[in-house]
Amino acid sequence: MKEKIVEKYKESIRDGRGTLLTIFINIVLFIALNTIPSLREELLMSYEISMILEKPWTLITVFFSHEVYFHIIFNMALFFFFGLELEKITNTKTVISIYLVAGLLGSLTFLLTRSMIQPRGLIAGASAAVFGIVSAYAILRPNAVLLRSKAKLWVWALFIFSMLSATLHPQSLGSDVAHITGVAVGLICGHGLKNKEVKESK
């Protein structure tokens, strides 16, 4: 009995290594940012195009970074459950690819809103990347229940929340546009994976 439990545990780690590694990186950077404040300018993304050109890697490191406890807990909890399940039915490469593409496009669309809201400072957060993972899984398994709700309902909730936030809090427009972009990327990737799944089953 004990051997079966250990084997199941090892299998879970093996099947979800991409998800777990990504979460680990997020946690390490969270600790680093809260321990060494000077890292903010090296890892977080600026609204200024000139700063982006000077530090282009921040377009990526931004969605591995968090500064607030609630933010990282919410994002990583979603990513843990949806990422693991997506990785089980696809593979590590797929999960990491969707996370990176959704996050990067979220960063780029975020910058498109700067002329409308004239923001200042630095931003952090993996929401766009995580929302992409949630949406991709929801397309593949829409009725699967995770965190006490069907996957497809989670997508609707994230989308509606982002729309309401953009409407009620215009100053957060950039973040909300990035979130919606993440959802859209996930839906597109999910449909691509779904079509592939259907073809392979024939």
Protein backbone atom coordinates (compact mmCIF):
# COMPACT_ATOMS: atom_id res chain seq x y z
CA MET A 1 0.00 0.00 0.00
CA LYS A 2 2.79 2.38 0.99
CA GLU A 3 4.72 1.58 -2.19
CA LYS A 4 1.66 2.39 -4.32
CA ILE A 5 1.27 5.76 -2.60
CA VAL A 6 4.96 6.59 -3.12
CA GLU A 7 4.78 5.52 -6.77
CA LYS A 8 1.65 7.62 -7.33
CA TYR A 9 3.41 10.59 -5.72
CA LYS A 10 6.44 10.17 -7.97
CA GLU A 11 4.20 9.86 -11.01
CA SER A 12 2.40 13.09 -10.12
CA ILE A 13 5.72 14.93 -9.84
CA ARG A 14 6.93 13.45 -13.13
CA ASP A 15 3.72 14.34 -14.97
CA GLY A 16 3.65 17.87 -13.58
CA ARG A 17 7.34 18.82 -13.57
CA GLY A 18 6.81 21.81 -15.88
CA THR A 19 4.06 23.22 -13.69
CA LEU A 20 5.97 22.63 -10.47
CA LEU A 21 9.19 24.12 -11.87
CA THR A 22 7.32 27.24 -13.00
CA ILE A 23 5.72 27.63 -9.58
CA PHE A 24 9.13 27.18 -7.95
CA ILE A 25 10.61 29.96 -10.09
CA ASN A 26 7.73 32.27 -9.17
CA ILE A 27 8.21 31.58 -5.47
CA VAL A 28 11.99 32.10 -5.63
CA LEU A 29 11.56 35.44 -7.44
CA PHE A 30 8.83 36.49 -5.01
CA ILE A 31 11.18 35.92 -2.08
CA ALA A 32 14.03 37.64 -3.91
CA LEU A 33 11.95 40.72 -4.75
CA ASN A 34 10.78 41.07 -1.18
CA THR A 35 14.27 40.51 0.18
CA ILE A 36 16.31 42.56 -2.30
CA PRO A 37 14.21 45.57 -3.41
CA SER A 38 16.85 46.62 -5.94
CA LEU A 39 15.89 43.62 -8.08
CA ARG A 40 12.59 45.31 -8.96
CA GLU A 41 14.20 47.36 -11.71
CA GLU A 42 15.86 44.26 -13.16
CA LEU A 43 12.85 41.91 -13.14
CA LEU A 44 9.69 44.00 -13.29
CA MET A 45 8.39 45.66 -16.43
CA SER A 46 8.34 49.40 -16.93
CA TYR A 47 5.64 51.31 -18.76
CA GLU A 48 8.32 53.25 -20.57
CA ILE A 49 9.31 51.92 -23.99
CA SER A 50 12.83 53.26 -23.53
CA MET A 51 13.23 51.13 -20.40
CA ILE A 52 11.85 48.07 -22.22
CA LEU A 53 14.40 48.53 -24.99
CA GLU A 54 17.13 48.80 -22.38
CA LYS A 55 15.92 45.70 -20.49
CA PRO A 56 13.91 43.58 -22.97
CA TRP A 57 14.06 40.50 -20.72
CA THR A 58 11.58 42.18 -18.38
CA LEU A 59 8.84 41.41 -20.93
CA ILE A 60 9.28 37.80 -19.72
CA THR A 61 10.52 38.08 -16.14
CA VAL A 62 7.49 40.20 -15.29
CA PHE A 63 5.19 37.18 -15.50
CA PHE A 64 7.38 35.16 -13.19
CA SER A 65 7.34 37.95 -10.59
CA HIS A 66 4.99 39.01 -7.79
CA GLU A 67 5.30 41.49 -4.96
CA VAL A 68 2.06 40.92 -3.02
CA TYR A 69 1.16 37.74 -1.10
CA PHE A 70 -2.45 37.58 -2.30
CA HIS A 71 -1.36 38.00 -5.91
CA ILE A 72 1.10 35.11 -5.93
CA ILE A 73 -1.16 32.84 -3.86
CA PHE A 74 -4.12 33.36 -6.21
CA ASN A 75 -2.09 32.96 -9.41
CA MET A 76 -0.06 29.98 -8.28
CA ALA A 77 -3.09 28.19 -6.81
CA LEU A 78 -4.89 28.47 -10.16
CA PHE A 79 -1.76 27.46 -12.02
CA PHE A 80 -1.11 24.50 -9.72
CA PHE A 81 -4.51 22.90 -10.30
CA PHE A 82 -5.05 23.80 -13.95
CA GLY A 83 -1.40 23.48 -14.96
CA LEU A 84 -1.05 20.01 -13.47
CA GLU A 85 -4.23 18.79 -15.15
CA LEU A 86 -3.27 20.30 -18.49
CA GLU A 87 0.18 18.74 -18.27
CA LYS A 88 -1.33 15.32 -17.57
CA ILE A 89 -3.35 15.33 -20.77
CA THR A 90 -0.73 17.08 -22.93
CA ASN A 91 2.92 17.41 -21.92
CA THR A 92 5.45 19.66 -20.20
CA LYS A 93 6.39 21.49 -23.40
CA THR A 94 2.77 22.44 -24.06
CA VAL A 95 2.20 23.90 -20.60
CA ILE A 96 5.40 25.93 -20.62
CA SER A 97 4.78 27.12 -24.19
CA ILE A 98 1.26 28.35 -23.43
CA TYR A 99 2.45 30.02 -20.23
CA LEU A 100 5.22 31.85 -22.11
CA VAL A 101 3.13 32.87 -25.13
CA ALA A 102 0.16 34.06 -23.06
CA GLY A 103 2.47 35.93 -20.70
CA LEU A 104 4.53 37.57 -23.45
CA LEU A 105 1.50 38.67 -25.50
CA GLY A 106 -0.05 39.93 -22.28
CA SER A 107 3.06 42.06 -21.69
CA LEU A 108 2.96 43.45 -25.23
CA THR A 109 -0.75 44.32 -25.18
CA PHE A 110 -0.24 45.90 -21.78
CA LEU A 111 2.17 48.34 -23.38
CA LEU A 112 -0.41 49.26 -26.03
CA THR A 113 -2.61 50.84 -23.36
CA ARG A 114 0.07 53.17 -21.97
CA SER A 115 -1.00 56.09 -24.18
CA MET A 116 -4.56 55.87 -22.82
CA ILE A 117 -3.90 55.62 -19.10
CA GLN A 118 -0.45 57.26 -18.85
CA PRO A 119 0.75 54.85 -16.14
CA ARG A 120 3.86 55.14 -13.99
CA GLY A 121 6.16 52.81 -12.12
CA LEU A 122 6.81 49.09 -12.53
CA ILE A 123 4.41 46.17 -12.85
CA ALA A 124 4.52 42.53 -11.79
CA GLY A 125 2.31 39.49 -12.11
CA ALA A 126 1.72 36.20 -13.91
CA SER A 127 -2.04 36.59 -14.37
CA ALA A 128 -2.01 36.73 -18.18
CA ALA A 129 0.14 33.58 -18.36
CA VAL A 130 -1.96 31.74 -15.78
CA PHE A 131 -5.27 32.75 -17.36
CA GLY A 132 -3.94 31.31 -20.61
CA ILE A 133 -3.38 27.95 -18.93
CA VAL A 134 -6.85 27.97 -17.36
CA SER A 135 -8.50 28.77 -20.70
CA ALA A 136 -6.56 26.16 -22.65
CA TYR A 137 -7.53 23.44 -20.18
CA ALA A 138 -11.16 24.61 -20.20
CA ILE A 139 -11.37 24.06 -23.95
CA LEU A 140 -10.05 20.52 -23.59
CA ARG A 141 -12.06 19.59 -20.48
CA PRO A 142 -14.84 22.19 -20.12
CA ASN A 143 -16.89 20.23 -17.59
CA ALA A 144 -14.00 19.07 -15.41
CA VAL A 145 -14.47 20.34 -11.85
CA LEU A 146 -11.48 22.11 -10.33
CA LEU A 147 -11.62 24.24 -7.19
CA ARG A 148 -15.34 23.47 -6.84
CA SER A 149 -16.33 24.79 -10.25
CA LYS A 150 -16.36 23.63 -13.86
CA ALA A 151 -13.34 24.72 -15.87
CA LYS A 152 -15.46 26.61 -18.41
CA LEU A 153 -17.07 28.63 -15.62
CA TRP A 154 -13.63 29.62 -14.35
CA VAL A 155 -12.87 31.12 -17.76
CA TRP A 156 -16.09 33.11 -17.74
CA ALA A 157 -15.39 34.31 -14.20
CA LEU A 158 -11.87 35.47 -15.07
CA PHE A 159 -13.06 37.20 -18.24
CA ILE A 160 -16.00 38.97 -16.57
CA PHE A 161 -13.84 40.02 -13.62
CA SER A 162 -11.29 41.56 -15.98
CA MET A 163 -13.97 43.38 -17.97
CA LEU A 164 -15.62 44.77 -14.84
CA SER A 165 -12.27 45.81 -13.41
CA ALA A 166 -11.39 47.67 -16.61
CA THR A 167 -14.76 49.43 -16.55
CA LEU A 168 -14.87 50.33 -12.86
CA HIS A 169 -11.15 51.00 -12.42
CA PRO A 170 -9.77 52.61 -15.62
CA GLN A 171 -6.33 52.91 -14.00
CA SER A 172 -6.03 49.13 -14.13
CA LEU A 173 -6.89 48.99 -17.85
CA GLY A 174 -3.41 47.82 -18.84
CA SER A 175 -3.47 44.85 -16.48
CA ASP A 176 -7.02 43.92 -17.44
CA VAL A 177 -6.22 44.03 -21.15
CA ALA A 178 -3.25 41.75 -20.46
CA HIS A 179 -5.53 39.37 -18.53
CA ILE A 180 -8.04 39.23 -21.37
CA THR A 181 -5.21 38.66 -23.84
CA GLY A 182 -4.08 35.71 -21.72
CA VAL A 183 -7.59 34.25 -21.81
CA ALA A 184 -7.77 34.70 -25.61
CA VAL A 185 -4.37 33.05 -26.15
CA GLY A 186 -5.44 30.13 -23.98
CA LEU A 187 -8.68 29.68 -25.91
CA ILE A 188 -6.84 29.68 -29.24
CA CYS A 189 -4.22 27.21 -28.00
CA GLY A 190 -6.92 25.07 -26.45
CA HIS A 191 -8.82 24.81 -29.72
CA GLY A 192 -5.61 23.84 -31.49
CA LEU A 193 -4.96 21.11 -28.94
CA LYS A 194 -8.58 19.98 -29.13
CA ASN A 195 -8.42 19.59 -32.90
CA LYS A 196 -5.18 17.63 -32.55
CA GLU A 197 -6.77 15.43 -29.91
CA VAL A 198 -9.77 14.71 -32.15
CA LYS A 199 -7.56 13.82 -35.14
CA GLU A 200 -5.43 11.46 -33.04
CA SER A 201 -8.54 9.68 -31.74
CA LYS A 202 -9.75 8.84 -35.25
